[in-house]
Amino acid sequence: MRAKEIIDDIVRVARDLGLVPGMQGLSRSEYLSNGGRFSLYEIYDGGMTWSDYCVKAGFKPKTKEFVPDEVYFERLKRAVHELGRFPKLSERKKFGLNFSKGRWSTLVEFIKTASSLGIVKLPYSKKVKEEKSPTHRPKESPRNEYGNIHSDFSRPIPPIPEKTKRKKWERTRMIGFPYAPQDESGVIALFAILCAQGTIPWQIIELKKSKGIDAICYDDKEQREFRVELKHTLSRSNWNHTFDSFDYLVCLENRWRDFPKPVLELRYLINE
């Protein structure tokens, strides 16, 4: 019932703005600043996204689509194939490598990450260098710039301990966190790493040990604070919280597909 009310209100705001269904888009900020009745919390409370609502209302959503890491890696491979070298800073936009600094701070760091995953090899056959930054730092030779990449990023996978009661040792292929978590504390650690890397565009403001919600986070894109509940496995059988006490649920595995709140399943992220 709430979803239909939100869709009807989106149609109303779009008509007030003179937008043509199927031809023009409506952003969340335009909706909220032009008399939208529902807040962001109410919009996302039912598990649907802004894009879902816009499509059902007959309008194109004005949202910046999230580009997965593997897409950027494929673009890098294509750039290296075409250029015969690594792309320069001025060539990022040409090859679609204009990712945010929250994900990789520089083009060099991005290439290092790609090398650590075996996607590209360093050093490459031709010169590799970045253009001067605004601070006019002296250019480094390819050897000095990438010489320590394997020591820093090609870390060996530690062996499974001989004396352990743990039975499942699923690999994540993540540097620094090679095995999937087996309990909620591991999910918290994995969640923190993905936030710090920028894979998840959230920042963790507070983690709590006591009963109630587990974390307070900040969404960089939406520029808002929200509450997060953390679980290892989300299922009906182990659920013991009220839905009004949090805004998002983060888990390793989701077995409750019609869960009434937005769910972020970490297994999909680490598998990608």
Protein backbone atom coordinates (compact mmCIF):
# COMPACT_ATOMS: atom_id res chain seq x y z
CA MET A 1 0.00 0.00 0.00
CA ARG A 2 2.81 2.41 0.90
CA ALA A 3 4.62 1.65 -2.37
CA LYS A 4 1.56 2.67 -4.44
CA GLU A 5 1.26 5.91 -2.48
CA ILE A 6 4.91 6.73 -3.14
CA ILE A 7 4.54 5.95 -6.86
CA ASP A 8 1.43 8.15 -7.10
CA ASP A 9 3.27 10.97 -5.33
CA ILE A 10 6.23 10.68 -7.73
CA VAL A 11 3.81 10.99 -10.65
CA ARG A 12 2.25 14.07 -9.02
CA VAL A 13 5.60 15.83 -8.48
CA ALA A 14 6.78 14.96 -12.00
CA ARG A 15 3.61 16.40 -13.53
CA ASP A 16 3.99 19.58 -11.47
CA LEU A 17 7.48 19.93 -12.92
CA GLY A 18 6.17 19.37 -16.44
CA LEU A 19 8.12 16.15 -17.01
CA VAL A 20 7.07 13.83 -19.83
CA PRO A 21 6.63 10.14 -18.85
CA GLY A 22 9.13 7.82 -20.51
CA MET A 23 11.18 10.73 -21.88
CA GLN A 24 12.50 12.65 -18.90
CA GLY A 25 14.01 11.68 -15.55
CA LEU A 26 13.33 12.65 -11.97
CA SER A 27 16.01 12.67 -9.29
CA ARG A 28 15.50 12.08 -5.58
CA SER A 29 16.62 15.62 -4.77
CA GLU A 30 14.14 17.07 -7.29
CA TYR A 31 11.37 15.00 -5.76
CA LEU A 32 12.19 16.03 -2.18
CA SER A 33 12.69 19.73 -3.00
CA ASN A 34 9.45 20.06 -5.00
CA GLY A 35 6.84 18.97 -2.52
CA GLY A 36 7.48 15.24 -2.24
CA ARG A 37 5.46 13.87 0.67
CA PHE A 38 7.72 10.94 1.55
CA SER A 39 11.18 11.09 3.12
CA LEU A 40 14.18 8.98 2.05
CA TYR A 41 13.63 6.73 5.07
CA GLU A 42 10.05 6.07 3.97
CA ILE A 43 11.07 5.52 0.33
CA TYR A 44 13.69 2.89 1.16
CA ASP A 45 11.76 1.34 4.04
CA GLY A 46 9.99 -1.21 1.83
CA GLY A 47 13.13 -2.62 0.21
CA MET A 48 12.62 -0.88 -3.16
CA THR A 49 15.11 1.57 -4.67
CA TRP A 50 14.52 5.01 -6.18
CA SER A 51 15.02 3.48 -9.63
CA ASP A 52 12.32 0.88 -8.92
CA TYR A 53 9.80 3.57 -7.97
CA CYS A 54 10.63 5.78 -10.97
CA VAL A 55 10.26 2.91 -13.44
CA LYS A 56 6.88 1.94 -11.96
CA ALA A 57 5.82 5.62 -12.12
CA GLY A 58 6.77 5.77 -15.81
CA PHE A 59 9.80 8.06 -15.49
CA LYS A 60 13.51 7.52 -15.96
CA PRO A 61 15.45 7.59 -12.69
CA LYS A 62 18.19 10.20 -12.46
CA THR A 63 20.70 8.18 -10.52
CA LYS A 64 24.37 7.45 -11.01
CA GLU A 65 24.66 3.73 -11.50
CA PHE A 66 27.18 1.86 -9.39
CA VAL A 67 29.96 0.43 -11.54
CA PRO A 68 31.33 -2.88 -10.18
CA ASP A 69 35.09 -3.25 -9.71
CA GLU A 70 35.34 -5.94 -12.38
CA VAL A 71 34.02 -3.49 -15.01
CA TYR A 72 36.85 -1.07 -14.23
CA PHE A 73 39.36 -3.94 -14.38
CA GLU A 74 38.09 -4.98 -17.83
CA ARG A 75 38.38 -1.37 -19.00
CA LEU A 76 41.97 -1.30 -17.78
CA LYS A 77 42.78 -4.50 -19.70
CA ARG A 78 41.27 -2.98 -22.85
CA ALA A 79 43.26 0.24 -22.37
CA VAL A 80 46.53 -1.69 -21.93
CA HIS A 81 45.76 -3.76 -25.04
CA GLU A 82 45.07 -0.67 -27.15
CA LEU A 83 47.93 1.48 -25.83
CA GLY A 84 50.60 -1.14 -25.27
CA ARG A 85 51.20 0.47 -21.89
CA PHE A 86 49.27 1.63 -18.84
CA PRO A 87 46.99 4.64 -19.37
CA LYS A 88 48.07 8.08 -18.19
CA LEU A 89 46.09 10.23 -15.79
CA SER A 90 44.84 12.35 -18.72
CA GLU A 91 43.50 9.19 -20.41
CA ARG A 92 41.28 8.01 -17.53
CA LYS A 93 38.09 9.48 -18.93
CA LYS A 94 38.81 8.16 -22.44
CA PHE A 95 38.92 4.58 -21.16
CA GLY A 96 36.14 4.93 -18.55
CA LEU A 97 38.47 4.82 -15.54
CA ASN A 98 37.01 7.86 -13.80
CA PHE A 99 36.29 6.02 -10.54
CA SER A 100 35.91 7.87 -7.25
CA LYS A 101 38.81 8.50 -4.86
CA GLY A 102 36.81 6.66 -2.22
CA ARG A 103 37.35 3.44 -4.16
CA TRP A 104 40.98 3.93 -5.28
CA SER A 105 42.81 7.07 -4.24
CA THR A 106 44.91 7.29 -7.44
CA LEU A 107 45.30 5.64 -10.81
CA VAL A 108 48.52 4.06 -9.56
CA GLU A 109 46.72 2.47 -6.59
CA PHE A 110 44.06 1.13 -8.95
CA ILE A 111 46.70 -0.46 -11.21
CA LYS A 112 48.45 -1.94 -8.16
CA THR A 113 45.18 -3.52 -7.05
CA ALA A 114 44.59 -4.94 -10.54
CA SER A 115 48.10 -6.41 -10.49
CA SER A 116 47.60 -7.99 -7.07
CA LEU A 117 44.52 -9.79 -8.43
CA GLY A 118 46.42 -11.07 -11.46
CA ILE A 119 44.45 -8.95 -13.94
CA VAL A 120 47.51 -7.13 -15.31
CA LYS A 121 51.24 -7.63 -14.87
CA LEU A 122 53.81 -5.14 -13.64
CA PRO A 123 56.06 -3.75 -14.87
CA TYR A 124 54.51 -3.68 -18.34
CA SER A 125 56.47 -3.82 -21.58
CA LYS A 126 56.50 -0.06 -22.10
CA LYS A 127 57.01 2.90 -19.83
CA VAL A 128 54.51 3.34 -17.04
CA LYS A 129 54.11 6.73 -15.48
CA GLU A 130 51.55 9.21 -14.26
CA GLU A 131 51.53 12.85 -15.26
CA LYS A 132 52.58 15.51 -12.82
CA SER A 133 50.06 16.21 -10.14
CA PRO A 134 49.11 19.82 -9.22
CA THR A 135 51.72 19.68 -6.44
CA HIS A 136 54.45 19.26 -9.15
CA ARG A 137 56.11 16.32 -7.51
CA PRO A 138 59.04 14.98 -9.56
CA LYS A 139 58.18 12.04 -11.78
CA GLU A 140 59.45 8.67 -10.66
CA SER A 141 60.81 6.02 -12.95
CA PRO A 142 58.56 3.00 -13.57
CA ARG A 143 60.95 0.87 -11.54
CA ASN A 144 60.76 3.11 -8.47
CA GLU A 145 57.05 3.76 -8.85
CA TYR A 146 55.98 0.12 -9.09
CA GLY A 147 59.02 -1.69 -7.75
CA ASN A 148 57.43 -2.72 -4.46
CA ILE A 149 54.03 -3.68 -5.82
CA HIS A 150 54.41 -7.42 -5.36
CA SER A 151 55.85 -7.12 -1.86
CA ASP A 152 52.99 -4.83 -0.86
CA PHE A 153 50.05 -6.51 -2.59
CA SER A 154 50.90 -10.08 -3.63
CA ARG A 155 50.53 -11.49 -0.16
CA PRO A 156 50.55 -15.27 0.27
CA ILE A 157 47.39 -16.96 1.56
CA PRO A 158 48.08 -18.12 5.13
CA PRO A 159 47.53 -21.86 5.67
CA ILE A 160 44.60 -23.17 7.68
CA PRO A 161 45.70 -23.66 11.31
CA GLU A 162 46.47 -27.24 12.27
CA LYS A 163 44.68 -26.99 15.61
CA THR A 164 41.23 -25.58 14.87
CA LYS A 165 37.64 -26.62 15.45
CA ARG A 166 36.40 -24.60 12.55
CA LYS A 167 35.19 -26.76 9.63
CA LYS A 168 34.40 -24.28 6.84
CA TRP A 169 37.27 -22.31 5.30
CA GLU A 170 35.71 -20.64 2.29
CA ARG A 171 38.12 -18.39 0.38
CA THR A 172 37.21 -14.74 -0.27
CA ARG A 173 40.12 -13.77 -2.59
CA MET A 174 40.36 -10.56 -0.56
CA ILE A 175 43.77 -9.24 0.40
CA GLY A 176 44.12 -9.23 4.19
CA PHE A 177 40.91 -11.22 4.76
CA PRO A 178 41.41 -14.50 2.86
CA TYR A 179 38.71 -16.65 4.54
CA ALA A 180 34.98 -15.92 4.79
CA PRO A 181 33.68 -15.10 8.28
CA GLN A 182 32.03 -17.85 10.30
CA ASP A 183 30.20 -15.64 12.82
CA GLU A 184 28.90 -12.12 13.32
CA SER A 185 32.25 -10.74 14.55
CA GLY A 186 33.81 -11.80 11.25
CA VAL A 187 30.99 -10.09 9.34
CA ILE A 188 31.73 -6.88 11.25
CA ALA A 189 35.42 -7.10 10.30
CA LEU A 190 34.63 -7.82 6.64
CA PHE A 191 32.06 -5.02 6.54
CA ALA A 192 34.61 -2.58 7.99
CA ILE A 193 37.21 -3.55 5.38
CA LEU A 194 34.78 -3.11 2.46
CA CYS A 195 33.72 0.30 3.82
CA ALA A 196 37.36 1.36 4.24
CA GLN A 197 38.17 0.25 0.67
CA GLY A 198 35.24 2.23 -0.72
CA THR A 199 33.65 -0.91 -2.17
CA ILE A 200 30.67 -0.03 0.02
CA PRO A 201 30.18 3.78 -0.14
CA TRP A 202 29.45 4.03 3.59
CA GLN A 203 31.49 5.18 6.56
CA ILE A 204 31.16 3.50 9.96
CA ILE A 205 30.58 6.13 12.62
CA GLU A 206 29.95 3.83 15.58
CA LEU A 207 29.92 0.13 16.41
CA LYS A 208 28.03 -1.16 19.45
CA LYS A 209 28.46 -4.28 21.56
CA SER A 210 25.30 -3.90 23.62
CA LYS A 211 21.83 -5.06 22.62
CA GLY A 212 20.03 -3.11 19.92
CA ILE A 213 21.34 -1.87 16.59
CA ASP A 214 24.93 -2.81 15.76
CA ALA A 215 26.24 0.21 13.88
CA ILE A 216 25.65 3.82 12.91
CA CYS A 217 26.85 4.57 9.38
CA TYR A 218 27.01 7.49 6.98
CA ASP A 219 26.14 7.23 3.30
CA ASP A 220 28.60 9.30 1.21
CA LYS A 221 26.25 9.46 -1.78
CA GLU A 222 23.04 10.26 0.08
CA GLN A 223 24.90 12.35 2.70
CA ARG A 224 22.85 11.01 5.57
CA GLU A 225 23.21 8.94 8.72
CA PHE A 226 21.38 5.65 9.22
CA ARG A 227 21.23 2.55 11.45
CA VAL A 228 22.62 -0.85 10.46
CA GLU A 229 21.89 -4.31 11.87
CA LEU A 230 24.62 -6.92 11.25
CA LYS A 231 24.03 -10.67 10.90
CA HIS A 232 26.08 -13.61 9.71
CA THR A 233 23.09 -15.40 8.15
CA LEU A 234 19.74 -13.72 7.74
CA SER A 235 16.85 -16.16 8.13
CA ARG A 236 13.37 -16.23 9.61
CA SER A 237 14.35 -18.81 12.22
CA ASN A 238 16.97 -16.68 13.97
CA TRP A 239 15.24 -13.28 13.74
CA ASN A 240 14.65 -11.47 17.07
CA HIS A 241 14.53 -7.72 16.29
CA THR A 242 11.87 -5.13 15.55
CA PHE A 243 11.98 -3.74 12.03
CA ASP A 244 11.62 -0.15 13.22
CA SER A 245 14.94 -0.27 15.10
CA PHE A 246 17.19 -0.10 11.97
CA ASP A 247 17.33 1.09 8.35
CA TYR A 248 19.59 -1.45 6.62
CA LEU A 249 20.62 -5.02 7.29
CA VAL A 250 24.12 -6.26 6.40
CA CYS A 251 24.81 -10.00 6.35
CA LEU A 252 27.13 -12.54 4.79
CA GLU A 253 24.27 -14.66 3.45
CA ASN A 254 20.58 -13.86 2.95
CA ARG A 255 18.10 -16.74 3.21
CA TRP A 256 15.09 -14.46 3.72
CA ARG A 257 14.49 -13.06 0.25
CA ASP A 258 11.29 -11.14 1.05
CA PHE A 259 12.84 -9.44 4.08
CA PRO A 260 10.95 -6.15 4.60
CA LYS A 261 14.08 -3.98 4.88
CA PRO A 262 16.94 -3.26 2.43
CA VAL A 263 19.59 -6.00 2.67
CA LEU A 264 23.27 -5.81 1.71
CA GLU A 265 24.60 -9.35 1.18
CA LEU A 266 28.41 -9.37 1.49
CA ARG A 267 28.79 -12.75 -0.18
CA TYR A 268 27.87 -11.21 -3.53
CA LEU A 269 30.50 -8.51 -3.10
CA ILE A 270 33.36 -10.85 -2.22
CA ASN A 271 32.37 -13.30 -4.96
CA GLU A 272 32.59 -10.50 -7.51
